[in-house]
C-alpha cells in the first residue's frame, strides 16, 4: 500500500527541525497559513503537505490552493462550499479529504480528545455518505478520501483499531455508493512514554502507567492490516511521536522551601515555557543533571510565575536538590515551545540542537526588547 507520513508541525515548528525532517523525505501537516509557510520554507514539497483545522480562513484556503498542496482536510459542509467558491474564483482544483467524526471515546485528556461527537471536529458519521455524495459533485472540488483523527497521546491500541475498522467500513460503503476513495488520512495521536523515560539505580521508579513501553510502531502494527484492506493510500500525521523524546527543558533551582507541610523546589522555568503540566495535568519526568545517592524526598517542583497553577510536578518523589542545581525536564520536545508565551513579561528560552558531540543554537533566547 502506498503511504505517506506528514509531520504535524503544531508539535514543534522550529525551522531547523523542520529542515531536518524535510531532508528525510517525509511530508508535513499544517494547521494554519503560518505553518504552511514554515513547511514550504523548510523544503517540504507542496505535494507532501496537508492542511488541517476546523477553522481555515479564506486567505489560508486560497494560499493553500495556489501552492497546489496535496490536500485539505475538510470539517464541515460549509467549508466545502467556501473552498469550492475560492477554487472556482482562482481557477484551481481543490483536493479534499472529509474528516469524519466516528464518535469514538478516547482514553486521553478531555482537551485533546477529538473523536467523539460532542467535539467541534469533523462531520458526523451518520451524514458521511450523504455529504460525500454531494461533495463529489461540487464545482472545483476533487474528493480524494477520508480523514480521521481521534485525539492526542493515545496509548491504547484498541481505540486506534476501532477507528481503523470504522474508517475501512465507511470506505467500503462509499464505494458501494459509487464514490471512489483513494486516500485514508488516519491522523496522529500516537502516544509516547513519559513515565520512567530514563531509569537509573539512583532515580525513583514511577510505577506502572498506561504509557509504559508504548511505541508508535506497536500502535501502527495493530491498525495497518485493517487499513490496508481498503486498498487506499495511507497517510498519518505523527507529531509528538516523532519529536517529544528529542526535547529536554533545562532549568535551574532558585530556592527550596518548606511551607504548609510541603517541600517546594522553585525553578527558573515556568508554565510560560512548558504549559503541559498546568494545562493538561501532564506528567514529565524531572531528573537532576548531577545524580547523587542523597535521600529521596517528596516535593512540588514549581515555577516563578504569579500563579498557583505554575508547576511542573506535585508530590513528586525526587532526589534532594539544592539551589543552583540544574534539572532536566524530559520529553519536552512536543507542545513545549509551540505553546510557550511571554506571560509575566518573561523571555522565551533559547533552543539548542544537539547532534552527537556537536551543538548549535537554533533559536536565540528572546531579549527584553522583543517583549
Protein backbone atom coordinates (compact mmCIF):
# COMPACT_ATOMS: atom_id res chain seq x y z
CA UNK A 1 0.00 0.00 0.00
CA UNK A 2 1.26 3.47 -0.85
CA UNK A 3 1.80 5.59 2.25
CA UNK A 4 2.97 9.00 3.47
CA UNK A 5 3.85 10.32 6.92
CA UNK A 6 3.07 14.02 7.32
CA UNK A 7 4.77 15.50 10.39
CA UNK A 8 2.34 17.61 12.47
CA UNK A 9 4.10 20.98 12.63
CA UNK A 10 1.97 22.05 15.62
CA UNK A 11 4.09 19.72 17.80
CA UNK A 12 7.30 21.65 17.15
CA UNK A 13 7.76 24.11 14.32
CA UNK A 14 11.38 25.14 14.77
CA UNK A 15 12.75 25.87 11.29
CA UNK A 16 15.93 23.83 11.75
CA UNK A 17 13.99 20.80 12.98
CA UNK A 18 11.63 21.11 10.01
CA UNK A 19 14.61 21.23 7.62
CA UNK A 20 15.99 18.01 9.08
CA UNK A 21 12.61 16.29 8.70
CA UNK A 22 12.12 17.59 5.14
CA UNK A 23 15.54 16.19 4.21
CA UNK A 24 14.38 12.79 5.49
CA UNK A 25 11.73 12.83 2.76
CA UNK A 26 8.55 12.83 4.84
CA UNK A 27 5.61 15.20 4.43
CA UNK A 28 4.14 17.87 6.68
CA UNK A 29 0.72 18.64 8.12
CA UNK A 30 -0.03 22.33 8.64
CA UNK A 31 -2.76 23.86 10.77
CA UNK A 32 -2.52 27.49 9.63
CA UNK A 33 -1.07 29.74 6.94
CA UNK A 34 1.91 30.27 9.23
CA UNK A 35 2.61 26.55 9.37
CA UNK A 36 2.15 26.29 5.60
CA UNK A 37 4.86 28.94 5.17
CA UNK A 38 7.12 27.13 7.65
CA UNK A 39 6.69 23.86 5.76
CA UNK A 40 7.41 25.39 2.36
CA UNK A 41 10.41 27.39 3.62
CA UNK A 42 11.85 24.24 5.23
CA UNK A 43 11.78 22.44 1.89
CA UNK A 44 8.72 20.20 2.15
CA UNK A 45 7.37 19.81 -1.40
CA UNK A 46 3.77 21.03 -1.80
CA UNK A 47 2.67 17.57 -2.96
CA UNK A 48 3.61 16.26 0.50
CA UNK A 49 1.80 18.95 2.53
CA UNK A 50 -1.68 18.55 4.01
CA UNK A 51 -3.75 21.30 5.63
CA UNK A 52 -5.87 20.51 8.69
CA UNK A 53 -8.02 22.59 11.01
CA UNK A 54 -11.66 23.21 11.82
CA UNK A 55 -11.46 26.96 11.13
CA UNK A 56 -9.50 27.78 7.98
CA UNK A 57 -9.75 31.43 6.89
CA UNK A 58 -10.47 32.28 3.26
CA UNK A 59 -6.97 33.68 2.71
CA UNK A 60 -5.45 30.50 4.17
CA UNK A 61 -7.52 28.32 1.83
CA UNK A 62 -6.57 30.44 -1.18
CA UNK A 63 -2.87 30.29 -0.26
CA UNK A 64 -3.04 26.50 0.11
CA UNK A 65 -4.73 26.14 -3.29
CA UNK A 66 -2.25 28.44 -5.03
CA UNK A 67 0.62 26.39 -3.58
CA UNK A 68 -1.04 23.26 -5.02
CA UNK A 69 -0.63 21.28 -1.79
CA UNK A 70 -1.57 17.60 -1.54
CA UNK A 71 -4.95 18.01 0.18
CA UNK A 72 -7.15 19.94 2.58
CA UNK A 73 -8.79 18.03 5.43
CA UNK A 74 -12.31 19.45 5.48
CA UNK A 75 -14.51 19.55 8.59
CA UNK A 76 -17.96 20.78 7.52
CA UNK A 77 -20.34 21.20 4.60
CA UNK A 78 -20.00 24.96 4.78
CA UNK A 79 -16.23 24.63 4.48
CA UNK A 80 -16.70 22.55 1.30
CA UNK A 81 -18.85 25.36 -0.12
CA UNK A 82 -16.29 28.04 0.78
CA UNK A 83 -13.41 26.03 -0.71
CA UNK A 84 -15.49 25.49 -3.87
CA UNK A 85 -16.11 29.24 -4.26
CA UNK A 86 -12.41 30.04 -3.79
CA UNK A 87 -11.33 27.25 -6.15
CA UNK A 88 -13.74 28.46 -8.85
CA UNK A 89 -12.63 32.07 -8.45
CA UNK A 90 -8.93 31.20 -8.67
CA UNK A 91 -9.33 28.59 -11.44
CA UNK A 92 -7.87 25.94 -9.12
CA UNK A 93 -8.95 22.41 -8.28
CA UNK A 94 -9.18 21.68 -4.55
CA UNK A 95 -8.23 18.16 -3.49
CA UNK A 96 -10.06 17.44 -0.25
CA UNK A 97 -10.48 14.72 2.34
CA UNK A 98 -13.60 14.73 4.50
CA UNK A 99 -12.84 14.48 8.20
CA UNK A 100 -15.37 12.13 9.74
CA UNK A 101 -16.27 12.07 13.42
CA UNK A 102 -16.83 8.41 14.32
CA UNK A 103 -17.93 9.20 17.89
CA UNK A 104 -15.10 7.23 19.49
CA UNK A 105 -14.37 7.81 23.16
CA UNK A 106 -10.63 8.06 23.74
CA UNK A 107 -8.71 7.41 26.98
CA UNK A 108 -6.89 10.74 26.97
CA UNK A 109 -7.28 14.25 28.42
CA UNK A 110 -10.64 15.80 27.51
CA UNK A 111 -8.90 18.79 25.87
CA UNK A 112 -7.05 16.51 23.44
CA UNK A 113 -9.87 14.05 22.73
CA UNK A 114 -11.22 14.90 19.27
CA UNK A 115 -13.05 11.76 18.16
CA UNK A 116 -16.40 11.88 19.94
CA UNK A 117 -19.49 13.65 18.69
CA UNK A 118 -19.57 16.44 21.28
CA UNK A 119 -16.33 17.99 20.00
CA UNK A 120 -16.06 20.63 17.28
CA UNK A 121 -14.27 18.27 14.91
CA UNK A 122 -15.37 16.53 11.74
CA UNK A 123 -18.60 15.55 10.01
CA UNK A 124 -20.98 13.21 11.82
CA UNK A 125 -20.65 9.58 10.75
CA UNK A 126 -24.41 9.41 10.15
CA UNK A 127 -24.11 12.14 7.50
CA UNK A 128 -20.84 10.94 5.95
CA UNK A 129 -22.25 9.15 2.89
CA UNK A 130 -24.74 11.90 2.10
CA UNK A 131 -22.08 14.64 2.43
CA UNK A 132 -19.53 12.66 0.40
CA UNK A 133 -22.06 12.09 -2.42
CA UNK A 134 -22.78 15.80 -2.52
CA UNK A 135 -19.13 16.90 -2.18
CA UNK A 136 -18.12 14.71 -5.12
CA UNK A 137 -20.39 16.81 -7.37
CA UNK A 138 -19.41 20.30 -6.13
CA UNK A 139 -17.59 22.50 -8.70
CA UNK A 140 -13.87 22.98 -8.09
CA UNK A 141 -13.74 20.09 -5.62
CA UNK A 142 -11.97 16.76 -6.06
CA UNK A 143 -12.95 14.41 -3.25
CA UNK A 144 -9.89 12.22 -2.66
CA UNK A 145 -10.64 10.45 0.59
CA UNK A 146 -11.47 10.26 4.26
CA UNK A 147 -9.70 11.83 7.22
CA UNK A 148 -9.94 10.52 10.78
CA UNK A 149 -8.18 11.93 13.84
CA UNK A 150 -9.44 10.77 17.23
CA UNK A 151 -7.18 12.58 19.69
CA UNK A 152 -3.72 13.02 21.13
CA UNK A 153 -1.42 10.97 23.41
CA UNK A 154 -3.49 7.80 22.96
CA UNK A 155 -1.64 4.71 24.19
CA UNK A 156 -4.43 2.17 23.78
CA UNK A 157 -4.17 0.12 20.58
CA UNK A 158 -7.82 -0.99 20.82
CA UNK A 159 -9.02 2.61 20.40
CA UNK A 160 -7.00 3.02 17.21
CA UNK A 161 -8.20 -0.38 15.99
CA UNK A 162 -11.83 0.69 16.44
CA UNK A 163 -11.15 3.85 14.41
CA UNK A 164 -9.41 1.84 11.68
CA UNK A 165 -12.34 -0.58 11.38
CA UNK A 166 -14.87 2.28 11.25
CA UNK A 167 -12.84 4.08 8.58
CA UNK A 168 -12.43 0.99 6.41
CA UNK A 169 -16.15 0.18 6.66
CA UNK A 170 -17.02 3.72 5.58
CA UNK A 171 -14.70 3.47 2.56
CA UNK A 172 -16.47 0.24 1.54
CA UNK A 173 -19.87 1.90 1.95
CA UNK A 174 -18.83 4.92 -0.12
CA UNK A 175 -17.51 2.70 -2.91
CA UNK A 176 -20.75 0.73 -2.93
CA UNK A 177 -22.46 4.10 -3.48
CA UNK A 178 -20.27 4.84 -6.49
CA UNK A 179 -17.82 7.18 -4.75
CA UNK A 180 -14.18 6.23 -5.32
CA UNK A 181 -11.89 6.80 -2.33
CA UNK A 182 -8.13 6.96 -2.91
CA UNK A 183 -6.68 8.20 0.40
CA UNK A 184 -7.23 7.49 4.07
CA UNK A 185 -5.59 10.01 6.38
CA UNK A 186 -5.61 8.24 9.74
CA UNK A 187 -4.38 11.31 11.62
CA UNK A 188 -2.00 11.11 14.55
CA UNK A 189 -2.31 10.96 18.30
CA UNK A 190 0.11 8.07 18.76
CA UNK A 191 1.08 8.20 22.43
CA UNK A 192 4.62 8.14 23.79
CA UNK A 193 6.17 7.04 27.07
CA UNK A 194 6.57 9.90 29.57
CA UNK A 195 6.89 7.91 32.82
CA UNK A 196 10.31 6.44 33.62
CA UNK A 197 11.64 7.52 30.24
CA UNK A 198 15.11 7.08 31.69
CA UNK A 199 15.91 4.71 34.54
CA UNK A 200 18.89 4.59 36.89
CA UNK A 201 19.54 2.88 40.24
CA UNK A 202 19.68 6.31 41.93
CA UNK A 203 16.38 7.53 40.42
CA UNK A 204 12.96 6.75 41.94
CA UNK A 205 10.66 4.47 39.95
CA UNK A 206 7.41 5.96 38.64
CA UNK A 207 5.48 2.70 38.94
CA UNK A 208 3.08 1.21 36.41
CA UNK A 209 1.42 3.61 33.97
CA UNK A 210 -0.53 3.26 30.73
CA UNK A 211 2.26 4.81 28.66
CA UNK A 212 4.93 2.34 29.79
CA UNK A 213 6.64 0.72 26.81
CA UNK A 214 4.24 2.21 24.27
CA UNK A 215 5.67 2.89 20.82
CA UNK A 216 4.20 4.18 17.58
CA UNK A 217 5.38 1.01 15.85
CA UNK A 218 3.28 -1.14 18.22
CA UNK A 219 0.22 1.07 17.74
CA UNK A 220 0.53 1.10 13.95
CA UNK A 221 1.11 -2.65 13.76
CA UNK A 222 -2.36 -3.14 15.22
CA UNK A 223 -4.17 -0.94 12.69
CA UNK A 224 -2.27 -1.22 9.41
CA UNK A 225 -3.64 -4.67 8.44
CA UNK A 226 -7.18 -3.29 8.78
CA UNK A 227 -6.45 -0.06 6.89
CA UNK A 228 -4.71 -1.97 4.07
CA UNK A 229 -7.98 -3.81 3.39
CA UNK A 230 -9.24 -0.53 1.90
CA UNK A 231 -6.57 -0.61 -0.87
CA UNK A 232 -6.17 3.13 -0.25
CA UNK A 233 -3.00 5.16 0.15
CA UNK A 234 -2.49 5.53 3.92
CA UNK A 235 -1.47 8.90 5.36
CA UNK A 236 -0.63 9.55 9.01
CA UNK A 237 0.11 12.77 10.90
CA UNK A 238 2.62 11.96 13.67
CA UNK A 239 3.88 14.88 15.73
CA UNK A 240 4.53 14.05 19.37
CA UNK A 241 5.70 10.53 18.49
CA UNK A 242 8.50 11.99 16.34
CA UNK A 243 9.65 14.91 18.47
CA UNK A 244 8.61 14.54 22.15
CA UNK A 245 11.54 12.42 23.31
CA UNK A 246 14.02 14.62 21.43
CA UNK A 247 13.45 17.66 23.65
CA UNK A 248 14.66 18.49 27.16
CA UNK A 249 13.89 21.67 29.12
CA UNK A 250 16.83 22.63 31.35
CA UNK A 251 16.02 24.73 34.41
CA UNK A 252 17.96 25.97 37.42
CA UNK A 253 16.89 25.54 41.05
CA UNK A 254 16.48 29.04 42.52
CA UNK A 255 15.27 28.16 46.01
CA UNK A 256 13.91 25.32 48.13
CA UNK A 257 11.48 25.94 50.96
CA UNK A 258 9.18 24.19 53.40
CA UNK A 259 5.67 25.53 53.83
CA UNK A 260 2.39 24.02 54.96
CA UNK A 261 3.94 20.61 55.40
CA UNK A 262 5.23 20.57 51.81
CA UNK A 263 8.66 21.00 50.25
CA UNK A 264 8.82 23.32 47.25
CA UNK A 265 11.60 23.31 44.67
CA UNK A 266 11.38 26.68 42.93
CA UNK A 267 12.98 26.76 39.47
CA UNK A 268 13.59 29.49 36.89
CA UNK A 269 11.43 27.92 34.15
CA UNK A 270 7.68 28.42 34.32
CA UNK A 271 4.43 27.37 32.73
CA UNK A 272 5.12 30.05 30.12
CA UNK A 273 7.94 27.75 28.90
CA UNK A 274 6.17 24.39 29.27
CA UNK A 275 2.45 24.65 29.98
CA UNK A 276 1.54 20.96 29.58
CA UNK A 277 1.58 20.09 33.32
CA UNK A 278 -0.65 23.11 34.11
CA UNK A 279 -2.96 22.83 31.09
CA UNK A 280 -3.32 19.06 30.73
CA UNK A 281 -2.08 17.82 34.13
CA UNK A 282 0.60 16.09 32.07
CA UNK A 283 3.48 14.15 33.56
CA UNK A 284 7.12 14.91 32.72
CA UNK A 285 9.98 13.06 34.36
CA UNK A 286 12.32 15.51 36.14
CA UNK A 287 15.93 14.48 36.70
CA UNK A 288 18.87 16.38 38.28
CA UNK A 289 21.87 16.58 35.96
CA UNK A 290 24.12 15.56 38.85
CA UNK A 291 22.90 12.27 40.28
CA UNK A 292 23.74 11.52 43.90
CA UNK A 293 22.82 8.92 46.49
CA UNK A 294 21.04 11.54 48.61
CA UNK A 295 17.72 10.62 50.16
CA UNK A 296 14.59 10.76 48.05
CA UNK A 297 12.14 13.45 49.14
CA UNK A 298 8.57 14.32 48.16
CA UNK A 299 8.41 17.76 46.56
CA UNK A 300 6.42 20.15 44.40
CA UNK A 301 8.51 21.49 41.51
CA UNK A 302 7.16 24.97 40.78
CA UNK A 303 7.99 27.94 38.59
CA UNK A 304 8.46 31.66 39.35
CA UNK A 305 5.18 33.00 37.92
CA UNK A 306 2.39 34.70 39.86
CA UNK A 307 0.06 31.67 39.56
CA UNK A 308 -0.58 28.67 41.79
CA UNK A 309 -1.05 26.81 38.52
CA UNK A 310 2.61 27.40 37.63
CA UNK A 311 4.08 23.98 38.37
CA UNK A 312 5.87 21.04 36.77
CA UNK A 313 5.15 18.37 39.38
CA UNK A 314 3.07 17.87 42.53
CA UNK A 315 4.03 15.44 45.31
CA UNK A 316 6.86 14.03 43.18
CA UNK A 317 9.42 11.70 44.76
CA UNK A 318 12.82 13.06 43.72
CA UNK A 319 16.43 13.15 44.71
CA UNK A 320 17.09 16.00 47.16
CA UNK A 321 18.35 19.04 45.24
CA UNK A 322 19.84 22.39 46.25
CA UNK A 323 19.99 25.95 44.96
CA UNK A 324 21.97 26.25 41.73
CA UNK A 325 21.46 22.67 40.55
CA UNK A 326 20.23 22.08 37.02
CA UNK A 327 17.16 19.92 36.46
CA UNK A 328 16.26 18.25 33.16
CA UNK A 329 12.54 18.14 32.39
CA UNK A 330 12.36 15.26 29.93
CA UNK A 331 10.26 14.53 26.84
CA UNK A 332 9.61 18.24 26.29
CA UNK A 333 10.14 18.28 22.53
CA UNK A 334 6.44 18.33 21.63
CA UNK A 335 3.99 21.10 22.56
CA UNK A 336 6.67 22.87 24.60
CA UNK A 337 7.97 25.89 22.73
CA UNK A 338 4.90 25.90 20.44
CA UNK A 339 2.63 26.55 23.44
CA UNK A 340 5.03 28.94 25.18
CA UNK A 341 4.25 32.58 25.92
CA UNK A 342 5.63 35.82 27.34
CA UNK A 343 3.32 35.71 30.36
CA UNK A 344 4.63 37.77 33.30
CA UNK A 345 6.97 39.53 30.86
CA UNK A 346 9.30 36.56 30.68
CA UNK A 347 11.50 35.91 27.65
CA UNK A 348 11.29 32.56 25.92
CA UNK A 349 14.47 30.47 26.28
CA UNK A 350 16.98 29.57 23.59
CA UNK A 351 16.67 26.29 21.71
CA UNK A 352 19.82 24.25 21.13
CA UNK A 353 20.13 21.34 18.71
CA UNK A 354 22.47 18.54 19.75
CA UNK A 355 23.87 16.17 17.14
CA UNK A 356 26.32 13.70 18.64
CA UNK A 357 29.09 15.78 20.22
CA UNK A 358 28.07 18.94 18.37
CA UNK A 359 25.52 21.52 19.40
CA UNK A 360 24.20 24.68 17.79
CA UNK A 361 21.71 27.37 18.77
CA UNK A 362 18.65 27.00 16.54
CA UNK A 363 16.65 29.76 18.24
CA UNK A 364 18.13 32.58 20.27
CA UNK A 365 16.89 33.44 23.71
CA UNK A 366 14.45 36.34 23.47
CA UNK A 367 15.63 39.76 24.57
CA UNK A 368 13.79 42.28 26.71
CA UNK A 369 13.36 44.44 23.59
CA UNK A 370 11.35 41.65 21.93
CA UNK A 371 8.69 41.65 24.64
